[in-house]
Protein backbone atom coordinates (compact mmCIF):
# COMPACT_ATOMS: atom_id res chain seq x y z
CA MET A 1 -55.89 -4.56 34.16
CA GLY A 2 -52.83 -4.68 36.46
CA LEU A 3 -50.74 -6.04 33.62
CA LEU A 4 -51.87 -3.24 31.33
CA ILE A 5 -50.98 -0.60 33.91
CA ARG A 6 -47.52 -2.09 34.46
CA PHE A 7 -46.94 -2.16 30.70
CA GLY A 8 -47.98 1.49 30.44
CA ILE A 9 -45.59 2.48 33.21
CA PHE A 10 -42.77 0.56 31.48
CA VAL A 11 -43.39 2.37 28.17
CA LEU A 12 -43.43 5.77 29.90
CA LEU A 13 -40.22 5.02 31.78
CA SER A 14 -38.50 3.78 28.62
CA PHE A 15 -39.53 6.87 26.71
CA GLY A 16 -38.28 9.01 29.57
CA LEU A 17 -34.91 7.25 29.59
CA ILE A 18 -34.52 7.70 25.85
CA LYS A 19 -35.31 11.38 26.06
CA THR A 20 -32.96 11.76 29.02
CA ASN A 21 -30.20 9.99 27.07
CA ASP A 22 -30.71 12.30 24.08
CA ASN A 23 -30.62 15.40 26.26
CA PHE A 24 -27.62 14.03 28.16
CA PHE A 25 -25.40 14.04 25.06
CA LEU A 26 -26.61 17.49 24.06
CA ARG A 27 -25.01 19.03 27.14
CA ASN A 28 -21.98 21.27 26.45
CA GLU A 29 -19.50 18.92 28.12
CA TYR A 30 -20.44 16.26 25.55
CA LYS A 31 -19.85 18.43 22.51
CA ILE A 32 -16.63 18.17 20.49
CA LYS A 33 -14.15 20.83 21.59
CA SER A 34 -11.11 19.68 19.62
CA VAL A 35 -10.21 17.45 16.67
CA GLU A 36 -6.81 15.70 16.64
CA ILE A 37 -5.37 14.18 13.46
CA THR A 38 -2.55 11.69 14.05
CA GLY A 39 -0.53 9.09 12.16
CA ILE A 40 0.42 11.17 9.11
CA ASN A 41 2.83 14.01 8.45
CA GLU A 42 1.82 17.65 8.53
CA ASP A 43 1.72 18.07 4.75
CA ILE A 44 -0.94 15.39 4.35
CA SER A 45 -2.83 16.18 7.55
CA LYS A 46 -3.55 19.64 6.12
CA ASP A 47 -5.80 17.94 3.57
CA PHE A 48 -8.04 16.82 6.44
CA PHE A 49 -8.14 20.06 8.46
CA PHE A 50 -11.67 20.70 7.23
CA PHE A 51 -12.81 18.04 9.71
CA LYS A 52 -11.94 20.41 12.54
CA ASP A 53 -14.43 23.01 11.36
CA LYS A 54 -16.97 20.32 10.53
CA PHE A 55 -17.07 18.67 13.96
CA ILE A 56 -16.07 21.24 16.58
CA GLY A 57 -19.19 22.15 18.54
CA LYS A 58 -21.10 19.07 17.35
CA SER A 59 -22.87 16.83 19.86
CA LEU A 60 -21.63 13.25 20.22
CA SER A 61 -25.05 12.00 19.20
CA ASP A 62 -24.68 13.77 15.84
CA ILE A 63 -21.40 12.10 14.85
CA ASP A 64 -21.34 8.80 12.97
CA LEU A 65 -17.78 7.50 13.45
CA GLN A 66 -18.07 4.87 10.71
CA GLU A 67 -19.26 7.50 8.27
CA VAL A 68 -16.22 9.64 9.08
CA GLU A 69 -13.90 6.66 8.48
CA SER A 70 -15.59 5.86 5.16
CA LEU A 71 -15.28 9.46 4.03
CA ILE A 72 -11.54 9.60 4.75
CA LYS A 73 -10.92 6.23 3.06
CA LYS A 74 -12.18 7.69 -0.20
CA ASP A 75 -8.73 9.26 -0.45
CA ILE A 76 -6.75 6.62 -2.38
CA ARG A 77 -3.58 7.48 -0.42
CA ILE A 78 -5.10 6.27 2.86
CA ASP A 79 -4.72 2.66 4.00
CA GLU A 80 -6.35 2.60 7.45
CA VAL A 81 -8.46 4.99 9.54
CA ASN A 82 -9.56 4.81 13.17
CA VAL A 83 -11.88 7.47 14.60
CA ASN A 84 -12.47 7.63 18.35
CA ILE A 85 -13.98 9.91 20.97
CA VAL A 86 -11.47 10.78 23.71
CA ASP A 87 -12.46 12.23 27.11
CA PHE A 88 -16.06 12.77 25.90
CA ASN A 89 -15.22 15.95 23.99
CA LYS A 90 -12.22 15.28 21.74
CA LEU A 91 -12.33 13.58 18.35
CA ASN A 92 -9.18 11.61 17.45
CA ILE A 93 -8.69 10.69 13.79
CA ASP A 94 -5.74 8.31 13.39
CA ILE A 95 -4.76 7.87 9.74
CA LYS A 96 -2.31 5.36 8.27
CA LYS A 97 -1.05 6.26 4.82
CA ARG A 98 -0.20 3.68 2.19
CA LYS A 99 3.49 2.86 1.88
CA PRO A 100 5.10 2.25 -1.51
CA LYS A 101 6.50 -1.19 -2.22
CA TYR A 102 7.22 -0.81 -5.94
CA TYR A 103 7.57 1.93 -8.52
CA LEU A 104 5.52 1.59 -11.70
CA GLN A 105 6.91 3.29 -14.80
CA TYR A 106 4.25 3.84 -17.45
CA ASN A 107 3.86 6.50 -20.17
CA ASN A 108 6.91 8.46 -18.96
CA LYS A 109 5.45 8.72 -15.45
CA ILE A 110 6.42 6.88 -12.28
CA PHE A 111 3.62 5.77 -9.97
CA LEU A 112 3.54 4.18 -6.50
CA ILE A 113 2.21 0.69 -5.76
CA ASP A 114 1.59 -0.53 -2.19
CA LYS A 115 1.72 -4.03 -0.68
CA ASN A 116 -1.87 -4.69 -1.79
CA ASP A 117 -1.07 -3.80 -5.43
CA VAL A 118 -2.97 -0.50 -5.20
CA ILE A 119 -1.66 2.25 -7.48
CA TYR A 120 -2.16 5.38 -5.41
CA GLY A 121 0.19 8.23 -6.34
CA GLU A 122 3.28 9.43 -8.18
CA ILE A 123 6.93 9.29 -7.18
CA GLY A 124 6.99 12.98 -6.26
CA ASP A 125 4.49 12.28 -3.47
CA GLU A 126 7.01 10.25 -1.48
CA LYS A 127 10.63 10.35 -0.44
CA ILE A 128 12.58 8.37 -3.05
CA SER A 129 13.58 4.90 -1.85
CA SER A 130 15.49 1.94 -3.26
CA LEU A 131 12.44 0.09 -4.52
CA PRO A 132 12.11 -2.19 -7.57
CA PHE A 133 10.81 -0.62 -10.79
CA ILE A 134 8.06 -2.33 -12.77
CA LEU A 135 8.28 -1.10 -16.37
CA VAL A 136 5.19 -1.58 -18.53
CA LYS A 137 4.07 -0.60 -22.01
CA ASN A 138 0.36 -1.02 -21.26
CA ASN A 139 -2.08 -1.75 -18.42
CA PHE A 140 -2.31 -5.44 -19.29
CA GLU A 141 1.33 -6.08 -18.32
CA ILE A 142 0.99 -4.81 -14.75
CA SER A 143 -0.80 -7.81 -13.22
CA SER A 144 1.51 -10.49 -14.66
CA LEU A 145 4.70 -8.62 -13.70
CA LEU A 146 3.40 -8.04 -10.18
CA GLY A 147 2.67 -11.76 -9.96
CA ILE A 148 6.27 -12.63 -10.85
CA ILE A 149 7.98 -10.07 -8.63
CA LYS A 150 5.83 -10.90 -5.59
CA ASN A 151 6.61 -14.57 -6.12
CA ILE A 152 10.40 -14.17 -6.24
CA GLU A 153 11.11 -11.16 -4.00
CA ASP A 154 11.74 -13.28 -0.89
CA ILE A 155 14.38 -15.27 -2.78
CA LEU A 156 16.07 -12.26 -4.34
CA LYS A 157 15.69 -10.09 -1.19
CA GLY A 158 16.54 -6.51 -2.06
CA ASN A 159 18.47 -7.47 -5.20
CA ILE A 160 15.79 -6.60 -7.79
CA SER A 161 16.38 -3.34 -9.63
CA GLN A 162 13.64 -3.59 -12.27
CA ILE A 163 11.38 -5.99 -14.12
CA TYR A 164 9.87 -5.70 -17.58
CA LYS A 165 8.32 -7.81 -20.31
CA VAL A 166 10.45 -8.42 -23.40
CA ASP A 167 7.86 -10.42 -25.37
CA GLU A 168 5.24 -13.13 -24.86
CA HIS A 169 7.92 -15.66 -23.91
CA CYS A 170 10.40 -13.62 -21.89
CA VAL A 171 10.48 -11.33 -18.85
CA ASN A 172 13.72 -9.67 -17.75
CA VAL A 173 14.49 -9.27 -14.05
CA VAL A 174 17.41 -6.85 -13.74
CA LEU A 175 19.42 -7.20 -10.53
CA ILE A 176 21.25 -4.48 -8.64
CA ASN A 177 24.62 -5.76 -9.90
CA GLY A 178 23.51 -5.12 -13.50
CA ALA A 179 22.97 -8.76 -14.45
CA THR A 180 19.63 -9.96 -15.83
CA LEU A 181 17.62 -13.09 -15.10
CA LYS A 182 15.54 -14.10 -18.12
CA THR A 183 12.34 -15.76 -17.00
CA ASN A 184 8.59 -16.21 -17.55
CA ASN A 185 5.50 -17.33 -15.62
CA THR A 186 6.41 -21.03 -15.80
CA VAL A 187 9.89 -20.90 -14.21
CA PRO A 188 9.86 -22.70 -10.80
CA LEU A 189 11.14 -20.92 -7.69
CA GLU A 190 14.08 -23.29 -7.23
CA LYS A 191 15.60 -22.03 -10.48
CA TYR A 192 15.66 -18.48 -9.06
CA ARG A 193 17.59 -19.71 -6.01
CA ILE A 194 20.19 -21.39 -8.17
CA GLY A 195 20.20 -18.50 -10.64
CA LYS A 196 20.84 -16.02 -7.83
CA ASN A 197 23.79 -18.06 -6.53
CA LEU A 198 25.21 -18.42 -10.03
CA CYS A 199 24.76 -14.74 -10.76
CA PHE A 200 26.49 -13.40 -7.66
CA GLY A 201 29.04 -16.20 -7.56
CA LEU A 202 30.18 -16.08 -11.19
CA SER A 203 30.13 -12.28 -11.33
CA LYS A 204 33.08 -12.22 -8.92
CA GLU A 205 35.21 -13.52 -11.80
CA LYS A 206 33.52 -11.99 -14.87
CA LYS A 207 30.71 -9.56 -15.52
CA ILE A 208 27.47 -11.33 -16.39
CA ASP A 209 25.11 -10.02 -19.04
CA TYR A 210 22.29 -12.47 -18.27
CA ILE A 211 21.36 -15.91 -16.99
CA ASP A 212 18.44 -17.55 -18.79
CA LEU A 213 16.27 -19.59 -16.41
CA ARG A 214 13.65 -20.65 -18.95
CA PHE A 215 15.30 -23.84 -20.09
CA GLU A 216 16.42 -27.06 -18.46
CA ASP A 217 20.05 -25.91 -18.49
CA TYR A 218 21.13 -22.53 -17.15
CA ILE A 219 22.37 -20.37 -20.01
CA VAL A 220 24.97 -17.85 -18.90
CA LYS A 221 26.03 -14.95 -21.13
CA TYR A 222 29.00 -12.81 -20.09
CA LEU A 223 29.47 -9.18 -21.03
CA GLU A 224 31.90 -8.66 -23.88
CA ASP A 225 33.52 -5.65 -25.49
CA LYS A 226 33.28 -4.96 -29.23
CA ASN A 227 36.21 -7.32 -29.82
CA GLY A 228 34.50 -10.18 -28.08
CA LYS A 229 36.66 -9.97 -24.96
CA GLN A 230 34.82 -10.71 -21.73
CA TYR A 231 34.75 -8.00 -19.06
CA LYS A 232 36.17 -8.84 -15.66
């Protein structure tokens, strides 16, 4: 009997604590009085102003922070979101926008691609930067060209202007000095290192049209005028 009474008291106390906890967060000092959006510029933050009207005056117990984060991440432009309660009555939404790493030119439009290969916007959405262009004729070319450029970008550091597929056996990597490296998916990385040195070394003497890396020997073609004279 004593055990039963003690159990009954425990249940009543627990229920009382739960009710007290619920009522505690319904008090005015634990209701959202302001919503702060940080991490993105004013133009983009305007797209999320509706959160201010949605949450101001809401009790803390009524806000699911993970649900808010998931909702914001539905915007393809957003990379990371952190939602926190500050000082018991302020909601802070910190948003990190995707940053472009490449431009993708397709169907006369230029799109943005981030470090995770996500296509998320058009060139007009960002300040124009000196980023490599990936030129494609169809969706199927995107993955293979991304594979090549991500594989060689550390070697060619900032020297890639554009990349595009010529045919099933050849991909052109155009460098910022105007020369082209002819390659494909089977060319080893060491050939890019040598090709880079050849390209920038030889171009000091004559203008290079292309260096073909696909064969055992390095094939170098210099630019010529209509009379066959090489440009210097």
